[in-house]
Structure formats: structure tokens, C-alpha cells
Amino acid sequence: MTMLEPGIYSASASVHELAGIRAFVFERLTTQGLDSNIAQSLCLAVDEACSNIILHGKDLNASRLIIDVEYSNGLCRIRIKDNAKTFDPNSVKSPDMMSYFKNFSYGGLGIELMRRIVDGMIYEQADAKNQWNTLLLHKYIHSPRN
């Protein structure tokens, strides 16, 4: 783990880093004023995204994760960069939940869970100009009405 600058966290793409990533995201969001329950749910979305990168994106090169968190004016943005194999979570179809439970299926719900937590996911694949894949998660936070 490396703290690059306030708000940015860098770690190797390893399951051993997930607890530190969750702690970093939670601390950043709550110190910026976000409700702890919403921060916890966003930590779950980040954990799912990073887990997918770690478990499915490894290649022969050492993979890294860089997480950038910001919250202001009712908008939370979490940017996850990696140098693993490319994979756009938006390319995965939503599962038929009735069939899923009827067939006693197991696993494969992480991306659907992310979709239900965040308001949007934007994926940019690494290219010649940018060596990092980037997943931007955003969530609009609505203030409770008085």
C-alpha cells in the first residue's frame, strides 16, 4: 500500500490488499461528510470491482490498483485504475434473478451488486496513450428533506 497524495491509494492487485482498500475508501468518504451507511455500501461496490480485477485480470506483469475518492456537492466519484487485463463490467448482462435462485446458482452477482449500489459505471480501456484501465463509479447523494 502506498498513499500517493491525499485521496489517492495505490496497492498491488492482491486479495491481501482488499481490507486496506475498503478502510481507505470508508475513511475518505466519511471524513468528507458522507453518511457511514452509504459509505459502507460504496465500499462494497469498490471491493467487488477490485476483487474482479484481482481474480480475473491478472497477467504475467505485476498488476497495480490506484483508487481515487472524492465527494462533494452531493456527488461521490470513485476512480479505480489498474494495469491488469481489460474488462468492461458494463459488458456483463444483468442476471435473471428468478432463474438464478430457482437453479440454486452460486456466485456471479458482484457486477449486479455494483450496479444496484452506484448510479453509474464508466469504463475506459488502456490504450497507447494511457496505460491504465479506468473504472469510474459515481453515486448521487440526495440530502434528506427537512
C-alpha atoms as a PDB file:
ATOM      1  CA  MET A   1       0.000   0.000   0.000  1.00  0.00           C
ATOM      2  CA  THR A   2       1.142   3.472  -0.818  1.00  0.00           C
ATOM      3  CA  MET A   3      -0.579   6.773  -0.196  1.00  0.00           C
ATOM      4  CA  LEU A   4       0.357   8.754  -3.317  1.00  0.00           C
ATOM      5  CA  GLU A   5      -1.285  12.007  -2.210  1.00  0.00           C
ATOM      6  CA  PRO A   6      -4.364  12.796  -0.136  1.00  0.00           C
ATOM      7  CA  GLY A   7      -7.289  10.955  -1.682  1.00  0.00           C
ATOM      8  CA  ILE A   8      -5.247   8.502  -3.757  1.00  0.00           C
ATOM      9  CA  TYR A   9      -4.329   4.970  -2.678  1.00  0.00           C
ATOM     10  CA  SER A  10      -2.059   2.582  -4.556  1.00  0.00           C
ATOM     11  CA  ALA A  11      -1.739  -1.135  -3.874  1.00  0.00           C
ATOM     12  CA  SER A  12      -0.676  -4.346  -5.526  1.00  0.00           C
ATOM     13  CA  ALA A  13      -3.535  -6.310  -7.075  1.00  0.00           C
ATOM     14  CA  SER A  14      -3.764  -8.832  -4.249  1.00  0.00           C
ATOM     15  CA  VAL A  15      -6.652 -10.091  -2.116  1.00  0.00           C
ATOM     16  CA  HIS A  16      -4.498  -9.181   0.895  1.00  0.00           C
ATOM     17  CA  GLU A  17      -4.948  -5.511  -0.034  1.00  0.00           C
ATOM     18  CA  LEU A  18      -8.781  -5.524  -0.047  1.00  0.00           C
ATOM     19  CA  ALA A  19      -9.197  -4.692   3.662  1.00  0.00           C
ATOM     20  CA  GLY A  20      -6.874  -1.704   3.303  1.00  0.00           C
ATOM     21  CA  ILE A  21      -8.722  -0.515   0.200  1.00  0.00           C
ATOM     22  CA  ARG A  22     -12.090  -0.722   1.995  1.00  0.00           C
ATOM     23  CA  ALA A  23     -10.698   1.130   5.024  1.00  0.00           C
ATOM     24  CA  PHE A  24      -9.231   3.853   2.805  1.00  0.00           C
ATOM     25  CA  VAL A  25     -12.469   4.379   0.850  1.00  0.00           C
ATOM     26  CA  PHE A  26     -14.582   4.426   4.021  1.00  0.00           C
ATOM     27  CA  GLU A  27     -12.277   6.887   5.783  1.00  0.00           C
ATOM     28  CA  ARG A  28     -12.100   9.214   2.761  1.00  0.00           C
ATOM     29  CA  LEU A  29     -15.864   9.276   2.288  1.00  0.00           C
ATOM     30  CA  THR A  30     -16.808   9.740   5.932  1.00  0.00           C
ATOM     31  CA  THR A  31     -14.201  12.456   6.561  1.00  0.00           C
ATOM     32  CA  GLN A  32     -15.611  14.282   3.539  1.00  0.00           C
ATOM     33  CA  GLY A  33     -19.052  14.209   5.186  1.00  0.00           C
ATOM     34  CA  LEU A  34     -20.771  11.187   3.665  1.00  0.00           C
ATOM     35  CA  ASP A  35     -23.125   9.148   5.858  1.00  0.00           C
ATOM     36  CA  SER A  36     -21.397   5.994   7.140  1.00  0.00           C
ATOM     37  CA  ASN A  37     -24.165   3.659   5.870  1.00  0.00           C
ATOM     38  CA  ILE A  38     -23.823   4.991   2.325  1.00  0.00           C
ATOM     39  CA  ALA A  39     -20.031   4.870   2.642  1.00  0.00           C
ATOM     40  CA  GLN A  40     -20.243   1.187   3.642  1.00  0.00           C
ATOM     41  CA  SER A  41     -22.342   0.325   0.609  1.00  0.00           C
ATOM     42  CA  LEU A  42     -19.894   2.146  -1.674  1.00  0.00           C
ATOM     43  CA  CYS A  43     -17.033   0.229  -0.027  1.00  0.00           C
ATOM     44  CA  LEU A  44     -18.838  -2.966  -1.020  1.00  0.00           C
ATOM     45  CA  ALA A  45     -19.061  -1.804  -4.662  1.00  0.00           C
ATOM     46  CA  VAL A  46     -15.346  -0.922  -4.664  1.00  0.00           C
ATOM     47  CA  ASP A  47     -14.498  -4.276  -3.055  1.00  0.00           C
ATOM     48  CA  GLU A  48     -16.414  -6.113  -5.787  1.00  0.00           C
ATOM     49  CA  ALA A  49     -14.713  -4.121  -8.559  1.00  0.00           C
ATOM     50  CA  CYS A  50     -11.237  -4.654  -7.095  1.00  0.00           C
ATOM     51  CA  SER A  51     -11.915  -8.342  -6.412  1.00  0.00           C
ATOM     52  CA  ASN A  52     -12.845  -8.850 -10.069  1.00  0.00           C
ATOM     53  CA  ILE A  53      -9.655  -7.115 -11.194  1.00  0.00           C
ATOM     54  CA  ILE A  54      -7.555  -9.192  -8.793  1.00  0.00           C
ATOM     55  CA  LEU A  55      -9.175 -12.559  -9.518  1.00  0.00           C
ATOM     56  CA  HIS A  56      -9.798 -12.255 -13.250  1.00  0.00           C
ATOM     57  CA  GLY A  57      -7.427  -9.609 -14.578  1.00  0.00           C
ATOM     58  CA  LYS A  58      -4.020 -10.921 -13.667  1.00  0.00           C
ATOM     59  CA  ASP A  59      -1.446 -11.326 -16.353  1.00  0.00           C
ATOM     60  CA  LEU A  60       2.273 -12.032 -16.252  1.00  0.00           C
ATOM     61  CA  ASN A  61       3.097  -8.453 -15.244  1.00  0.00           C
ATOM     62  CA  ALA A  62       2.659  -7.322 -11.663  1.00  0.00           C
ATOM     63  CA  SER A  63      -0.747  -5.648 -11.540  1.00  0.00           C
ATOM     64  CA  ARG A  64      -1.453  -2.495  -9.514  1.00  0.00           C
ATOM     65  CA  LEU A  65      -4.572  -0.730  -8.345  1.00  0.00           C
ATOM     66  CA  ILE A  66      -4.867   3.023  -7.843  1.00  0.00           C
ATOM     67  CA  ILE A  67      -8.002   4.282  -6.112  1.00  0.00           C
ATOM     68  CA  ASP A  68      -9.052   7.926  -6.088  1.00  0.00           C
ATOM     69  CA  VAL A  69     -12.028   9.019  -3.966  1.00  0.00           C
ATOM     70  CA  GLU A  70     -13.835  12.335  -3.925  1.00  0.00           C
ATOM     71  CA  TYR A  71     -17.159  13.503  -2.574  1.00  0.00           C
ATOM     72  CA  SER A  72     -18.593  16.991  -2.895  1.00  0.00           C
ATOM     73  CA  ASN A  73     -21.839  18.743  -3.718  1.00  0.00           C
ATOM     74  CA  GLY A  74     -23.877  15.545  -3.488  1.00  0.00           C
ATOM     75  CA  LEU A  75     -21.737  13.565  -5.929  1.00  0.00           C
ATOM     76  CA  CYS A  76     -19.400  10.759  -4.978  1.00  0.00           C
ATOM     77  CA  ARG A  77     -16.779   9.668  -7.524  1.00  0.00           C
ATOM     78  CA  ILE A  78     -14.520   6.689  -7.058  1.00  0.00           C
ATOM     79  CA  ARG A  79     -11.946   6.043  -9.761  1.00  0.00           C
ATOM     80  CA  ILE A  80     -10.239   2.647  -9.867  1.00  0.00           C
ATOM     81  CA  LYS A  81      -7.247   2.335 -12.182  1.00  0.00           C
ATOM     82  CA  ASP A  82      -5.490  -0.927 -12.940  1.00  0.00           C
ATOM     83  CA  ASN A  83      -2.887  -2.296 -15.310  1.00  0.00           C
ATOM     84  CA  ALA A  84      -4.409  -5.770 -15.497  1.00  0.00           C
ATOM     85  CA  LYS A  85      -6.225  -7.387 -18.421  1.00  0.00           C
ATOM     86  CA  THR A  86      -9.021  -5.221 -19.764  1.00  0.00           C
ATOM     87  CA  PHE A  87     -12.591  -5.968 -18.790  1.00  0.00           C
ATOM     88  CA  ASP A  88     -15.615  -3.681 -19.026  1.00  0.00           C
ATOM     89  CA  PRO A  89     -18.165  -4.575 -16.318  1.00  0.00           C
ATOM     90  CA  ASN A  90     -20.837  -2.856 -18.414  1.00  0.00           C
ATOM     91  CA  SER A  91     -20.481  -5.696 -20.947  1.00  0.00           C
ATOM     92  CA  VAL A  92     -21.984  -8.181 -18.471  1.00  0.00           C
ATOM     93  CA  LYS A  93     -25.738  -8.711 -18.781  1.00  0.00           C
ATOM     94  CA  SER A  94     -27.880  -8.482 -15.657  1.00  0.00           C
ATOM     95  CA  PRO A  95     -28.800 -11.975 -14.478  1.00  0.00           C
ATOM     96  CA  ASP A  96     -32.344 -13.298 -14.394  1.00  0.00           C
ATOM     97  CA  MET A  97     -32.681 -13.429 -10.606  1.00  0.00           C
ATOM     98  CA  MET A  98     -35.705 -15.757 -10.645  1.00  0.00           C
ATOM     99  CA  SER A  99     -33.735 -18.300 -12.654  1.00  0.00           C
ATOM    100  CA  TYR A 100     -30.632 -17.702 -10.555  1.00  0.00           C
ATOM    101  CA  PHE A 101     -32.385 -18.638  -7.301  1.00  0.00           C
ATOM    102  CA  LYS A 102     -34.546 -21.352  -8.851  1.00  0.00           C
ATOM    103  CA  ASN A 103     -31.396 -23.126 -10.067  1.00  0.00           C
ATOM    104  CA  PHE A 104     -29.549 -22.579  -6.770  1.00  0.00           C
ATOM    105  CA  SER A 105     -26.805 -20.748  -8.617  1.00  0.00           C
ATOM    106  CA  TYR A 106     -23.693 -19.592  -6.819  1.00  0.00           C
ATOM    107  CA  GLY A 107     -21.531 -16.541  -7.443  1.00  0.00           C
ATOM    108  CA  GLY A 108     -21.518 -14.180 -10.375  1.00  0.00           C
ATOM    109  CA  LEU A 109     -23.559 -11.397  -8.748  1.00  0.00           C
ATOM    110  CA  GLY A 110     -20.764  -8.922  -7.993  1.00  0.00           C
ATOM    111  CA  ILE A 111     -21.307  -6.696 -11.014  1.00  0.00           C
ATOM    112  CA  GLU A 112     -25.082  -6.717 -10.483  1.00  0.00           C
ATOM    113  CA  LEU A 113     -24.487  -5.711  -6.867  1.00  0.00           C
ATOM    114  CA  MET A 114     -22.262  -2.849  -8.051  1.00  0.00           C
ATOM    115  CA  ARG A 115     -24.997  -1.695 -10.433  1.00  0.00           C
ATOM    116  CA  ARG A 116     -27.527  -1.621  -7.622  1.00  0.00           C
ATOM    117  CA  ILE A 117     -25.250   0.417  -5.351  1.00  0.00           C
ATOM    118  CA  VAL A 118     -23.904   3.057  -7.736  1.00  0.00           C
ATOM    119  CA  ASP A 119     -25.713   5.296 -10.183  1.00  0.00           C
ATOM    120  CA  GLY A 120     -23.250   4.715 -12.992  1.00  0.00           C
ATOM    121  CA  MET A 121     -20.082   2.970 -14.112  1.00  0.00           C
ATOM    122  CA  ILE A 122     -17.865   4.337 -16.863  1.00  0.00           C
ATOM    123  CA  TYR A 123     -15.062   2.112 -18.124  1.00  0.00           C
ATOM    124  CA  GLU A 124     -12.100   3.241 -20.209  1.00  0.00           C
ATOM    125  CA  GLN A 125      -9.720   0.617 -21.560  1.00  0.00           C
ATOM    126  CA  ALA A 126      -5.973   1.199 -21.534  1.00  0.00           C
ATOM    127  CA  ASP A 127      -4.516   2.228 -24.885  1.00  0.00           C
ATOM    128  CA  ALA A 128      -1.319   3.592 -26.403  1.00  0.00           C
ATOM    129  CA  LYS A 129      -1.842   6.985 -24.738  1.00  0.00           C
ATOM    130  CA  ASN A 130      -2.984   5.713 -21.343  1.00  0.00           C
ATOM    131  CA  GLN A 131      -1.504   2.570 -19.765  1.00  0.00           C
ATOM    132  CA  TRP A 132      -4.265   2.261 -17.152  1.00  0.00           C
ATOM    133  CA  ASN A 133      -7.741   0.773 -17.408  1.00  0.00           C
ATOM    134  CA  THR A 134     -10.090   3.083 -15.536  1.00  0.00           C
ATOM    135  CA  LEU A 135     -13.428   2.337 -13.893  1.00  0.00           C
ATOM    136  CA  LEU A 136     -15.298   5.392 -12.627  1.00  0.00           C
ATOM    137  CA  LEU A 137     -18.103   4.685 -10.165  1.00  0.00           C
ATOM    138  CA  HIS A 138     -20.405   7.557  -9.356  1.00  0.00           C
ATOM    139  CA  LYS A 139     -23.228   7.942  -6.863  1.00  0.00           C
ATOM    140  CA  TYR A 140     -25.538  10.895  -6.398  1.00  0.00           C
ATOM    141  CA  ILE A 141     -26.252  11.533  -2.749  1.00  0.00           C
ATOM    142  CA  HIS A 142     -29.595  13.129  -2.081  1.00  0.00           C
ATOM    143  CA  SER A 143     -29.910  15.216   1.066  1.00  0.00           C
ATOM    144  CA  PRO A 144     -32.707  14.142   3.406  1.00  0.00           C
ATOM    145  CA  ARG A 145     -35.649  16.521   3.221  1.00  0.00           C
ATOM    146  CA  ASN A 146     -36.469  18.577   6.274  1.00  0.00           C
END
